[in-house]
C-alpha atoms as a PDB file:
ATOM      1  CA  MET A   1      -1.386 -11.119  51.213  1.00  0.00           C
ATOM      2  CA  PRO A   2       2.428 -11.342  50.868  1.00  0.00           C
ATOM      3  CA  LEU A   3       4.272 -12.430  53.969  1.00  0.00           C
ATOM      4  CA  SER A   4       6.526 -10.141  55.964  1.00  0.00           C
ATOM      5  CA  ALA A   5      10.202  -9.642  55.205  1.00  0.00           C
ATOM      6  CA  ASP A   6      11.302 -11.794  58.147  1.00  0.00           C
ATOM      7  CA  THR A   7       9.198 -14.807  57.136  1.00  0.00           C
ATOM      8  CA  PRO A   8      11.389 -17.954  56.832  1.00  0.00           C
ATOM      9  CA  VAL A   9      12.486 -18.650  53.257  1.00  0.00           C
ATOM     10  CA  ALA A  10      10.681 -21.992  53.189  1.00  0.00           C
ATOM     11  CA  ALA A  11       7.365 -20.283  53.903  1.00  0.00           C
ATOM     12  CA  LYS A  12       7.638 -17.694  51.179  1.00  0.00           C
ATOM     13  CA  PRO A  13       5.119 -18.033  48.341  1.00  0.00           C
ATOM     14  CA  SER A  14       6.542 -18.685  44.897  1.00  0.00           C
ATOM     15  CA  LEU A  15       6.563 -15.899  42.331  1.00  0.00           C
ATOM     16  CA  ALA A  16       7.567 -16.180  38.690  1.00  0.00           C
ATOM     17  CA  VAL A  17       9.040 -12.912  37.428  1.00  0.00           C
ATOM     18  CA  LEU A  18       9.192 -12.180  33.711  1.00  0.00           C
ATOM     19  CA  LEU A  19      11.713  -9.449  32.907  1.00  0.00           C
ATOM     20  CA  CYS A  20      11.037  -7.630  29.654  1.00  0.00           C
ATOM     21  CA  SER A  21      13.982  -7.140  27.334  1.00  0.00           C
ATOM     22  CA  PRO A  22      14.897  -4.614  26.089  1.00  0.00           C
ATOM     23  CA  ARG A  23      14.244  -2.357  29.091  1.00  0.00           C
ATOM     24  CA  SER A  24      15.896   0.575  30.849  1.00  0.00           C
ATOM     25  CA  PHE A  25      18.389   2.939  29.188  1.00  0.00           C
ATOM     26  CA  CYS A  26      18.425   3.478  25.437  1.00  0.00           C
ATOM     27  CA  ALA A  27      21.363   4.832  23.421  1.00  0.00           C
ATOM     28  CA  GLY A  28      20.036   8.402  23.474  1.00  0.00           C
ATOM     29  CA  VAL A  29      19.704   8.398  27.259  1.00  0.00           C
ATOM     30  CA  VAL A  30      23.185   6.889  27.719  1.00  0.00           C
ATOM     31  CA  ARG A  31      24.596   9.604  25.447  1.00  0.00           C
ATOM     32  CA  ALA A  32      22.829  12.388  27.362  1.00  0.00           C
ATOM     33  CA  ILE A  33      23.982  11.190  30.792  1.00  0.00           C
ATOM     34  CA  ASP A  34      27.512  10.580  29.505  1.00  0.00           C
ATOM     35  CA  THR A  35      27.509  14.114  28.089  1.00  0.00           C
ATOM     36  CA  VAL A  36      26.906  15.650  31.509  1.00  0.00           C
ATOM     37  CA  GLU A  37      29.405  13.353  33.217  1.00  0.00           C
ATOM     38  CA  ARG A  38      32.055  14.020  30.558  1.00  0.00           C
ATOM     39  CA  ALA A  39      31.519  17.781  30.888  1.00  0.00           C
ATOM     40  CA  LEU A  40      31.934  17.481  34.670  1.00  0.00           C
ATOM     41  CA  THR A  41      35.181  15.573  34.171  1.00  0.00           C
ATOM     42  CA  LEU A  42      36.597  18.060  31.665  1.00  0.00           C
ATOM     43  CA  TYR A  43      35.473  21.334  33.204  1.00  0.00           C
ATOM     44  CA  GLY A  44      34.622  20.476  36.795  1.00  0.00           C
ATOM     45  CA  PRO A  45      31.448  21.570  38.542  1.00  0.00           C
ATOM     46  CA  PRO A  46      29.190  23.301  38.095  1.00  0.00           C
ATOM     47  CA  VAL A  47      27.785  22.095  34.795  1.00  0.00           C
ATOM     48  CA  TYR A  48      24.413  23.686  34.111  1.00  0.00           C
ATOM     49  CA  VAL A  49      21.695  21.557  32.506  1.00  0.00           C
ATOM     50  CA  ARG A  50      18.580  23.077  30.990  1.00  0.00           C
ATOM     51  CA  HIS A  51      15.644  20.889  32.040  1.00  0.00           C
ATOM     52  CA  GLU A  52      16.084  17.357  33.405  1.00  0.00           C
ATOM     53  CA  ILE A  53      18.717  15.710  31.217  1.00  0.00           C
ATOM     54  CA  VAL A  54      16.305  12.735  31.047  1.00  0.00           C
ATOM     55  CA  HIS A  55      13.031  12.255  32.869  1.00  0.00           C
ATOM     56  CA  ASN A  56      14.181  10.264  35.869  1.00  0.00           C
ATOM     57  CA  ARG A  57      14.595  11.537  39.423  1.00  0.00           C
ATOM     58  CA  TYR A  58      17.291   8.984  40.329  1.00  0.00           C
ATOM     59  CA  VAL A  59      19.425  10.058  37.371  1.00  0.00           C
ATOM     60  CA  VAL A  60      18.923  13.758  38.070  1.00  0.00           C
ATOM     61  CA  GLU A  61      19.766  13.429  41.766  1.00  0.00           C
ATOM     62  CA  SER A  62      22.870  11.360  40.958  1.00  0.00           C
ATOM     63  CA  LEU A  63      24.133  14.041  38.589  1.00  0.00           C
ATOM     64  CA  LYS A  64      23.306  16.792  41.080  1.00  0.00           C
ATOM     65  CA  ALA A  65      25.521  15.020  43.613  1.00  0.00           C
ATOM     66  CA  LYS A  66      28.382  15.200  41.107  1.00  0.00           C
ATOM     67  CA  GLY A  67      27.952  18.932  40.503  1.00  0.00           C
ATOM     68  CA  ALA A  68      25.280  19.319  37.837  1.00  0.00           C
ATOM     69  CA  VAL A  69      22.878  22.235  38.328  1.00  0.00           C
ATOM     70  CA  PHE A  70      19.459  21.847  36.716  1.00  0.00           C
ATOM     71  CA  VAL A  71      17.459  24.868  35.557  1.00  0.00           C
ATOM     72  CA  GLU A  72      14.289  25.290  33.540  1.00  0.00           C
ATOM     73  CA  ASP A  73      15.340  28.535  31.868  1.00  0.00           C
ATOM     74  CA  LEU A  74      18.664  30.032  30.835  1.00  0.00           C
ATOM     75  CA  ASP A  75      17.723  33.187  32.754  1.00  0.00           C
ATOM     76  CA  GLU A  76      18.365  31.184  35.937  1.00  0.00           C
ATOM     77  CA  ILE A  77      22.047  30.791  35.010  1.00  0.00           C
ATOM     78  CA  PRO A  78      24.455  33.534  36.075  1.00  0.00           C
ATOM     79  CA  ASP A  79      27.077  34.850  33.680  1.00  0.00           C
ATOM     80  CA  THR A  80      29.509  31.972  33.598  1.00  0.00           C
ATOM     81  CA  GLN A  81      32.152  30.130  31.614  1.00  0.00           C
ATOM     82  CA  ALA A  82      30.788  26.798  32.841  1.00  0.00           C
ATOM     83  CA  PRO A  83      29.219  24.466  30.265  1.00  0.00           C
ATOM     84  CA  VAL A  84      25.473  24.598  29.653  1.00  0.00           C
ATOM     85  CA  VAL A  85      23.960  21.308  28.458  1.00  0.00           C
ATOM     86  CA  PHE A  86      20.654  21.014  26.583  1.00  0.00           C
ATOM     87  CA  SER A  87      18.621  17.941  27.534  1.00  0.00           C
ATOM     88  CA  ALA A  88      17.987  14.818  25.449  1.00  0.00           C
ATOM     89  CA  HIS A  89      14.484  16.042  24.594  1.00  0.00           C
ATOM     90  CA  GLY A  90      15.722  18.876  22.377  1.00  0.00           C
ATOM     91  CA  VAL A  91      15.097  22.615  22.613  1.00  0.00           C
ATOM     92  CA  PRO A  92      13.532  25.345  20.473  1.00  0.00           C
ATOM     93  CA  LYS A  93      15.973  27.292  18.299  1.00  0.00           C
ATOM     94  CA  SER A  94      15.516  30.292  20.557  1.00  0.00           C
ATOM     95  CA  VAL A  95      17.423  28.511  23.343  1.00  0.00           C
ATOM     96  CA  PRO A  96      20.808  28.046  21.600  1.00  0.00           C
ATOM     97  CA  ALA A  97      20.374  31.553  20.203  1.00  0.00           C
ATOM     98  CA  GLN A  98      19.999  32.920  23.744  1.00  0.00           C
ATOM     99  CA  ALA A  99      22.976  30.839  24.884  1.00  0.00           C
ATOM    100  CA  ALA A 100      25.125  32.281  22.085  1.00  0.00           C
ATOM    101  CA  GLN A 101      24.006  35.798  22.968  1.00  0.00           C
ATOM    102  CA  ARG A 102      25.247  35.243  26.521  1.00  0.00           C
ATOM    103  CA  ASN A 103      28.476  33.589  25.331  1.00  0.00           C
ATOM    104  CA  PHE A 104      27.711  30.314  27.093  1.00  0.00           C
ATOM    105  CA  LEU A 105      29.651  27.171  26.278  1.00  0.00           C
ATOM    106  CA  ALA A 106      26.586  25.315  25.006  1.00  0.00           C
ATOM    107  CA  ILE A 107      26.637  21.528  24.598  1.00  0.00           C
ATOM    108  CA  ASP A 108      23.666  19.933  22.861  1.00  0.00           C
ATOM    109  CA  ALA A 109      22.722  16.490  24.255  1.00  0.00           C
ATOM    110  CA  THR A 110      19.572  16.208  22.129  1.00  0.00           C
ATOM    111  CA  CYS A 111      18.962  12.581  21.154  1.00  0.00           C
ATOM    112  CA  PRO A 112      19.991  12.118  17.492  1.00  0.00           C
ATOM    113  CA  LEU A 113      16.593  10.549  16.775  1.00  0.00           C
ATOM    114  CA  VAL A 114      14.893  13.720  18.021  1.00  0.00           C
ATOM    115  CA  THR A 115      17.263  15.791  15.899  1.00  0.00           C
ATOM    116  CA  LYS A 116      16.164  13.656  12.937  1.00  0.00           C
ATOM    117  CA  VAL A 117      12.567  14.792  13.511  1.00  0.00           C
ATOM    118  CA  HIS A 118      13.733  18.423  13.697  1.00  0.00           C
ATOM    119  CA  ARG A 119      15.506  18.062  10.359  1.00  0.00           C
ATOM    120  CA  GLU A 120      12.473  16.451   8.742  1.00  0.00           C
ATOM    121  CA  ALA A 121      10.258  19.326   9.878  1.00  0.00           C
ATOM    122  CA  GLU A 122      12.725  21.893   8.515  1.00  0.00           C
ATOM    123  CA  ILE A 123      12.855  20.141   5.131  1.00  0.00           C
ATOM    124  CA  HIS A 124       9.053  20.034   4.900  1.00  0.00           C
ATOM    125  CA  PHE A 125       8.874  23.725   5.784  1.00  0.00           C
ATOM    126  CA  ARG A 126      11.415  24.672   3.107  1.00  0.00           C
ATOM    127  CA  ARG A 127       9.338  22.745   0.578  1.00  0.00           C
ATOM    128  CA  GLY A 128       6.260  24.764   1.449  1.00  0.00           C
ATOM    129  CA  ARG A 129       4.387  22.094   3.377  1.00  0.00           C
ATOM    130  CA  GLU A 130       2.147  22.653   6.369  1.00  0.00           C
ATOM    131  CA  ILE A 131       3.312  20.301   9.129  1.00  0.00           C
ATOM    132  CA  MET A 132       1.242  18.193  11.499  1.00  0.00           C
ATOM    133  CA  LEU A 133       3.096  17.032  14.628  1.00  0.00           C
ATOM    134  CA  ILE A 134       1.623  14.012  16.383  1.00  0.00           C
ATOM    135  CA  GLY A 135       2.516  14.327  20.052  1.00  0.00           C
ATOM    136  CA  HIS A 136       1.556  15.436  23.561  1.00  0.00           C
ATOM    137  CA  ALA A 137       1.066  19.119  24.314  1.00  0.00           C
ATOM    138  CA  GLY A 138       3.633  20.571  26.678  1.00  0.00           C
ATOM    139  CA  HIS A 139       6.110  17.701  26.455  1.00  0.00           C
ATOM    140  CA  PRO A 140       9.657  19.134  26.098  1.00  0.00           C
ATOM    141  CA  GLU A 141      10.243  17.192  22.902  1.00  0.00           C
ATOM    142  CA  VAL A 142       7.111  18.643  21.333  1.00  0.00           C
ATOM    143  CA  VAL A 143       8.016  22.149  22.495  1.00  0.00           C
ATOM    144  CA  GLY A 144      11.468  21.691  20.986  1.00  0.00           C
ATOM    145  CA  THR A 145      10.210  20.368  17.657  1.00  0.00           C
ATOM    146  CA  MET A 146       7.597  23.096  17.244  1.00  0.00           C
ATOM    147  CA  GLY A 147      10.255  25.632  18.173  1.00  0.00           C
ATOM    148  CA  GLN A 148      12.438  24.736  15.192  1.00  0.00           C
ATOM    149  CA  LEU A 149      10.152  26.711  12.892  1.00  0.00           C
ATOM    150  CA  PRO A 150       8.230  29.998  12.890  1.00  0.00           C
ATOM    151  CA  HIS A 151       5.105  30.162  15.035  1.00  0.00           C
ATOM    152  CA  GLY A 152       2.165  28.473  13.313  1.00  0.00           C
ATOM    153  CA  ALA A 153       4.238  26.403  10.885  1.00  0.00           C
ATOM    154  CA  VAL A 154       3.655  23.236  12.943  1.00  0.00           C
ATOM    155  CA  LYS A 155       0.191  22.167  14.120  1.00  0.00           C
ATOM    156  CA  LEU A 156      -0.083  19.753  17.052  1.00  0.00           C
ATOM    157  CA  VAL A 157      -2.316  16.692  16.707  1.00  0.00           C
ATOM    158  CA  GLU A 158      -2.841  14.657  19.886  1.00  0.00           C
ATOM    159  CA  THR A 159      -5.779  12.379  18.997  1.00  0.00           C
ATOM    160  CA  VAL A 160      -7.728  10.844  16.129  1.00  0.00           C
ATOM    161  CA  GLU A 161     -10.370  13.489  16.856  1.00  0.00           C
ATOM    162  CA  ASP A 162      -7.772  16.216  16.348  1.00  0.00           C
ATOM    163  CA  ALA A 163      -6.797  14.615  13.057  1.00  0.00           C
ATOM    164  CA  MET A 164     -10.414  14.527  11.884  1.00  0.00           C
ATOM    165  CA  ALA A 165     -10.961  18.160  12.855  1.00  0.00           C
ATOM    166  CA  PHE A 166      -7.770  19.470  11.245  1.00  0.00           C
ATOM    167  CA  SER A 167      -8.349  22.004   8.466  1.00  0.00           C
ATOM    168  CA  PRO A 168      -5.273  22.476   6.260  1.00  0.00           C
ATOM    169  CA  LYS A 169      -4.475  25.483   4.132  1.00  0.00           C
ATOM    170  CA  ASP A 170      -3.773  23.178   1.187  1.00  0.00           C
ATOM    171  CA  ALA A 171      -4.452  19.440   1.420  1.00  0.00           C
ATOM    172  CA  LYS A 172      -1.872  18.826  -1.316  1.00  0.00           C
ATOM    173  CA  LYS A 173       0.914  20.479   0.661  1.00  0.00           C
ATOM    174  CA  LEU A 174       0.887  18.581   3.936  1.00  0.00           C
ATOM    175  CA  ALA A 175       3.433  16.590   5.937  1.00  0.00           C
ATOM    176  CA  TYR A 176       3.503  14.931   9.340  1.00  0.00           C
ATOM    177  CA  VAL A 177       6.161  14.072  11.922  1.00  0.00           C
ATOM    178  CA  THR A 178       5.765  12.496  15.351  1.00  0.00           C
ATOM    179  CA  GLN A 179       7.151  12.651  18.859  1.00  0.00           C
ATOM    180  CA  THR A 180       9.607   9.780  19.340  1.00  0.00           C
ATOM    181  CA  THR A 181       8.129   8.368  22.575  1.00  0.00           C
ATOM    182  CA  LEU A 182       4.496   7.746  21.676  1.00  0.00           C
ATOM    183  CA  SER A 183       2.357   4.630  21.817  1.00  0.00           C
ATOM    184  CA  VAL A 184       3.010   2.765  18.573  1.00  0.00           C
ATOM    185  CA  ASP A 185      -0.628   1.639  18.325  1.00  0.00           C
ATOM    186  CA  ASP A 186      -2.167   5.028  19.179  1.00  0.00           C
ATOM    187  CA  THR A 187       0.073   6.767  16.676  1.00  0.00           C
ATOM    188  CA  SER A 188      -0.797   4.222  14.002  1.00  0.00           C
ATOM    189  CA  HIS A 189      -4.517   4.985  14.471  1.00  0.00           C
ATOM    190  CA  ILE A 190      -3.865   8.723  14.144  1.00  0.00           C
ATOM    191  CA  VAL A 191      -1.684   8.284  11.052  1.00  0.00           C
ATOM    192  CA  ASP A 192      -4.338   6.053   9.459  1.00  0.00           C
ATOM    193  CA  ALA A 193      -6.963   8.755  10.059  1.00  0.00           C
ATOM    194  CA  ILE A 194      -4.691  11.437   8.589  1.00  0.00           C
ATOM    195  CA  ARG A 195      -3.878   9.367   5.510  1.00  0.00           C
ATOM    196  CA  ARG A 196      -7.524   8.587   4.871  1.00  0.00           C
ATOM    197  CA  ARG A 197      -8.334  12.297   4.908  1.00  0.00           C
ATOM    198  CA  PHE A 198      -5.220  13.488   3.108  1.00  0.00           C
ATOM    199  CA  PRO A 199      -3.865  10.777   0.773  1.00  0.00           C
ATOM    200  CA  ALA A 200      -1.163  13.115  -0.571  1.00  0.00           C
ATOM    201  CA  ILE A 201       0.371  13.813   2.843  1.00  0.00           C
ATOM    202  CA  VAL A 202       4.116  13.204   3.140  1.00  0.00           C
ATOM    203  CA  GLY A 203       5.371  11.188   6.111  1.00  0.00           C
ATOM    204  CA  PRO A 204       8.788  10.209   7.466  1.00  0.00           C
ATOM    205  CA  HIS A 205      11.055   7.986   5.354  1.00  0.00           C
ATOM    206  CA  LYS A 206      11.375   5.897   8.518  1.00  0.00           C
ATOM    207  CA  LYS A 207       8.988   5.986  11.454  1.00  0.00           C
ATOM    208  CA  ASP A 208       9.742   8.787  13.899  1.00  0.00           C
ATOM    209  CA  ILE A 209       8.844   6.708  16.968  1.00  0.00           C
ATOM    210  CA  CYS A 210      12.271   5.592  18.081  1.00  0.00           C
ATOM    211  CA  TYR A 211      13.533   2.020  18.084  1.00  0.00           C
ATOM    212  CA  ALA A 212      13.774   1.958  21.895  1.00  0.00           C
ATOM    213  CA  THR A 213      10.154   3.010  22.396  1.00  0.00           C
ATOM    214  CA  SER A 214       8.927   0.424  19.870  1.00  0.00           C
ATOM    215  CA  ASN A 215      11.083  -2.393  21.252  1.00  0.00           C
ATOM    216  CA  ARG A 216      10.070  -1.806  24.875  1.00  0.00           C
ATOM    217  CA  GLN A 217       6.397  -1.695  23.967  1.00  0.00           C
ATOM    218  CA  GLU A 218       6.714  -4.913  21.957  1.00  0.00           C
ATOM    219  CA  ALA A 219       8.292  -6.705  24.929  1.00  0.00           C
ATOM    220  CA  VAL A 220       5.477  -5.534  27.199  1.00  0.00           C
ATOM    221  CA  LYS A 221       2.879  -6.807  24.719  1.00  0.00           C
ATOM    222  CA  ARG A 222       4.560 -10.207  24.916  1.00  0.00           C
ATOM    223  CA  VAL A 223       4.572 -10.345  28.721  1.00  0.00           C
ATOM    224  CA  ALA A 224       1.475  -8.430  29.893  1.00  0.00           C
ATOM    225  CA  PRO A 225      -1.166 -10.994  28.794  1.00  0.00           C
ATOM    226  CA  VAL A 226       0.428 -13.822  30.810  1.00  0.00           C
ATOM    227  CA  VAL A 227       1.140 -12.104  34.169  1.00  0.00           C
ATOM    228  CA  ASP A 228      -1.074 -11.137  37.099  1.00  0.00           C
ATOM    229  CA  ALA A 229       0.594  -7.751  37.537  1.00  0.00           C
ATOM    230  CA  MET A 230       3.077  -5.567  35.698  1.00  0.00           C
ATOM    231  CA  ILE A 231       5.525  -3.025  37.110  1.00  0.00           C
ATOM    232  CA  VAL A 232       6.892  -0.318  34.843  1.00  0.00           C
ATOM    233  CA  VAL A 233       9.901   1.388  36.398  1.00  0.00           C
ATOM    234  CA  GLY A 234       9.955   5.038  35.403  1.00  0.00           C
ATOM    235  CA  ALA A 235       9.018   8.594  36.258  1.00  0.00           C
ATOM    236  CA  PRO A 236       5.497  10.058  36.018  1.00  0.00           C
ATOM    237  CA  ASN A 237       6.745  12.739  33.588  1.00  0.00           C
ATOM    238  CA  SER A 238       8.445  10.168  31.348  1.00  0.00           C
ATOM    239  CA  SER A 239       6.345   9.790  28.206  1.00  0.00           C
ATOM    240  CA  ASN A 240       7.846   6.472  27.136  1.00  0.00           C
ATOM    241  CA  SER A 241       7.332   5.013  30.645  1.00  0.00           C
ATOM    242  CA  GLN A 242       3.696   6.113  30.803  1.00  0.00           C
ATOM    243  CA  ARG A 243       3.098   4.560  27.391  1.00  0.00           C
ATOM    244  CA  LEU A 244       4.509   1.234  28.642  1.00  0.00           C
ATOM    245  CA  ARG A 245       1.985   1.186  31.487  1.00  0.00           C
ATOM    246  CA  GLU A 246      -0.842   1.921  29.031  1.00  0.00           C
ATOM    247  CA  VAL A 247       0.375  -0.782  26.651  1.00  0.00           C
ATOM    248  CA  ALA A 248       0.408  -3.318  29.499  1.00  0.00           C
ATOM    249  CA  GLU A 249      -3.186  -2.479  30.430  1.00  0.00           C
ATOM    250  CA  ARG A 250      -4.388  -2.722  26.838  1.00  0.00           C
ATOM    251  CA  ALA A 251      -2.562  -6.011  26.375  1.00  0.00           C
ATOM    252  CA  GLY A 252      -4.658  -7.532  29.137  1.00  0.00           C
ATOM    253  CA  CYS A 253      -2.759  -7.028  32.390  1.00  0.00           C
ATOM    254  CA  ALA A 254      -5.312  -6.325  35.120  1.00  0.00           C
ATOM    255  CA  HIS A 255      -2.859  -4.507  37.384  1.00  0.00           C
ATOM    256  CA  ALA A 256      -0.181  -2.347  35.726  1.00  0.00           C
ATOM    257  CA  VAL A 257       1.589   0.299  37.785  1.00  0.00           C
ATOM    258  CA  LEU A 258       4.286   2.893  37.190  1.00  0.00           C
ATOM    259  CA  LEU A 259       6.826   3.077  40.034  1.00  0.00           C
ATOM    260  CA  GLN A 260       9.851   5.317  40.478  1.00  0.00           C
ATOM    261  CA  SER A 261      11.516   3.012  42.996  1.00  0.00           C
ATOM    262  CA  ALA A 262      11.010   0.067  45.352  1.00  0.00           C
ATOM    263  CA  ALA A 263       9.939   2.510  48.069  1.00  0.00           C
ATOM    264  CA  GLU A 264       6.728   3.173  46.131  1.00  0.00           C
ATOM    265  CA  ILE A 265       5.550  -0.458  46.076  1.00  0.00           C
ATOM    266  CA  ASP A 266       2.085  -0.748  47.608  1.00  0.00           C
ATOM    267  CA  TRP A 267       2.270  -4.298  48.942  1.00  0.00           C
ATOM    268  CA  SER A 268      -1.476  -4.395  49.574  1.00  0.00           C
ATOM    269  CA  ARG A 269      -1.938  -4.433  45.784  1.00  0.00           C
ATOM    270  CA  PHE A 270       0.343  -7.432  45.275  1.00  0.00           C
ATOM    271  CA  GLY A 271      -1.492 -10.242  47.000  1.00  0.00           C
ATOM    272  CA  ALA A 272      -1.622 -13.869  45.884  1.00  0.00           C
ATOM    273  CA  ILE A 273      -0.001 -13.259  42.517  1.00  0.00           C
ATOM    274  CA  ALA A 274       1.821 -16.074  40.777  1.00  0.00           C
ATOM    275  CA  ARG A 275       3.410 -14.210  37.849  1.00  0.00           C
ATOM    276  CA  LEU A 276       4.818 -10.680  37.774  1.00  0.00           C
ATOM    277  CA  GLY A 277       6.093  -8.742  34.765  1.00  0.00           C
ATOM    278  CA  ILE A 278       8.729  -6.023  35.136  1.00  0.00           C
ATOM    279  CA  THR A 279      10.056  -3.528  32.619  1.00  0.00           C
ATOM    280  CA  ALA A 280      11.656  -0.085  32.745  1.00  0.00           C
ATOM    281  CA  GLY A 281      11.290   3.015  30.620  1.00  0.00           C
ATOM    282  CA  ALA A 282      14.179   4.132  28.441  1.00  0.00           C
ATOM    283  CA  SER A 283      15.186   6.798  30.969  1.00  0.00           C
ATOM    284  CA  ALA A 284      15.104   4.511  34.049  1.00  0.00           C
ATOM    285  CA  PRO A 285      18.391   2.928  35.202  1.00  0.00           C
ATOM    286  CA  GLU A 286      18.672  -0.827  35.652  1.00  0.00           C
ATOM    287  CA  VAL A 287      19.667  -0.372  39.309  1.00  0.00           C
ATOM    288  CA  LEU A 288      16.044   0.557  40.071  1.00  0.00           C
ATOM    289  CA  VAL A 289      14.843  -2.701  38.514  1.00  0.00           C
ATOM    290  CA  GLU A 290      17.328  -4.575  40.699  1.00  0.00           C
ATOM    291  CA  GLU A 291      16.059  -2.784  43.820  1.00  0.00           C
ATOM    292  CA  ILE A 292      12.497  -3.825  43.031  1.00  0.00           C
ATOM    293  CA  LEU A 293      13.585  -7.426  42.464  1.00  0.00           C
ATOM    294  CA  ASP A 294      15.400  -7.352  45.817  1.00  0.00           C
ATOM    295  CA  ALA A 295      12.258  -6.041  47.525  1.00  0.00           C
ATOM    296  CA  PHE A 296      10.141  -8.865  46.093  1.00  0.00           C
ATOM    297  CA  ALA A 297      12.826 -11.418  46.977  1.00  0.00           C
ATOM    298  CA  LEU A 298      12.349 -10.541  50.655  1.00  0.00           C
ATOM    299  CA  ARG A 299       8.705 -11.591  50.453  1.00  0.00           C
ATOM    300  CA  TYR A 300       8.584 -14.226  47.716  1.00  0.00           C
ATOM    301  CA  ALA A 301      10.676 -17.122  46.456  1.00  0.00           C
ATOM    302  CA  LEU A 302      11.509 -15.757  43.013  1.00  0.00           C
ATOM    303  CA  ARG A 303      12.049 -17.551  39.750  1.00  0.00           C
ATOM    304  CA  VAL A 304      13.259 -14.949  37.256  1.00  0.00           C
ATOM    305  CA  ASP A 305      13.152 -15.397  33.481  1.00  0.00           C
ATOM    306  CA  THR A 306      13.831 -12.888  30.712  1.00  0.00           C
ATOM    307  CA  VAL A 307      11.507 -12.445  27.746  1.00  0.00           C
ATOM    308  CA  SER A 308      13.540 -10.889  24.938  1.00  0.00           C
ATOM    309  CA  VAL A 309      12.160  -9.563  21.654  1.00  0.00           C
ATOM    310  CA  ILE A 310      15.347  -8.116  20.166  1.00  0.00           C
ATOM    311  CA  GLU A 311      18.976  -7.323  20.987  1.00  0.00           C
ATOM    312  CA  GLU A 312      19.706  -3.583  20.878  1.00  0.00           C
ATOM    313  CA  GLU A 313      23.156  -2.604  19.635  1.00  0.00           C
ATOM    314  CA  VAL A 314      22.592   1.089  18.893  1.00  0.00           C
ATOM    315  CA  PHE A 315      25.331   3.516  19.957  1.00  0.00           C
ATOM    316  CA  PHE A 316      25.443   7.300  19.660  1.00  0.00           C
ATOM    317  CA  PRO A 317      28.778   9.131  20.094  1.00  0.00           C
ATOM    318  CA  LEU A 318      29.081  12.120  22.407  1.00  0.00           C
ATOM    319  CA  PRO A 319      28.470  15.632  21.053  1.00  0.00           C
ATOM    320  CA  ARG A 320      31.332  16.633  18.760  1.00  0.00           C
ATOM    321  CA  HIS A 321      32.758  19.259  21.110  1.00  0.00           C
ATOM    322  CA  LEU A 322      33.292  16.647  23.848  1.00  0.00           C
ATOM    323  CA  ARG A 323      34.688  14.116  21.364  1.00  0.00           C
ATOM    324  CA  ASP A 324      37.175  16.644  19.976  1.00  0.00           C
ATOM    325  CA  THR A 325      38.257  17.579  23.516  1.00  0.00           C
ATOM    326  CA  GLU A 326      38.677  13.905  24.403  1.00  0.00           C
ATOM    327  CA  ALA A 327      40.824  13.275  21.341  1.00  0.00           C
ATOM    328  CA  ALA A 328      43.053  16.232  22.199  1.00  0.00           C
ATOM    329  CA  GLU A 329      43.883  14.880  25.687  1.00  0.00           C
END
């Protein structure tokens, strides 16, 4: 069992911590958060945000404190001249149409890599292809992607079993796209099954699973087999964070947990461990990783090393409306 927080430093057990890199915010998340903060600076509060701007409670509460108001439906917003921001996950076409009907100042913070998937689906539809979307039912990104096209144009595939059961209208006119935050390995198995059944199917020119999801999963695969426990910092409704926990388990880590903050650490589950891995989902801020490190430092003598698989240098500019306003100042 770990010792108490007031145990003398000399008596603390040693703990090697391997920090996965990359971890925490990706370029799409930074852009989305910056969009809300920039809108607050330009227009003042309130700034309405449809759905959580990203799936992280800490981020949402921080923006609420600055004047952001989060809603799940545009019907919750009164008639207003305040900005209305669409979340990083993307929205069905019906949402901006409703916003225009109500004369809202709509600002789209959809991640450009999600927008890429939307555009791919639209191109396939125009070319007469039936579209398979690999993703998780009910996730906002999936709802948004399916909502780019008429009802029934996109069929959701969640598992290999779904892929094997799928019955197309014309096997020679098929295409597939994927949610950006899936397990790389799970998606590969589904795509393999689809391609075996439908060799003529058209896929993305580049993989739809985003660089940040792939990179974070690769780092976890490197660390998970050599640690006694793995902490993934992220929210329960964050797809990319949940996938990191699953990847850690499959890579051989006996104890992988998803935590929103240091307050959720169950110390009874971290006994005589010698090596701990820590990562964070793409929507989880680095400050939460630091809080967890601080919590362990009270109970263990830490030796912290970083395991890096790649340097991320991706940058996405703010939505054009905010950029144009910034340039005019």
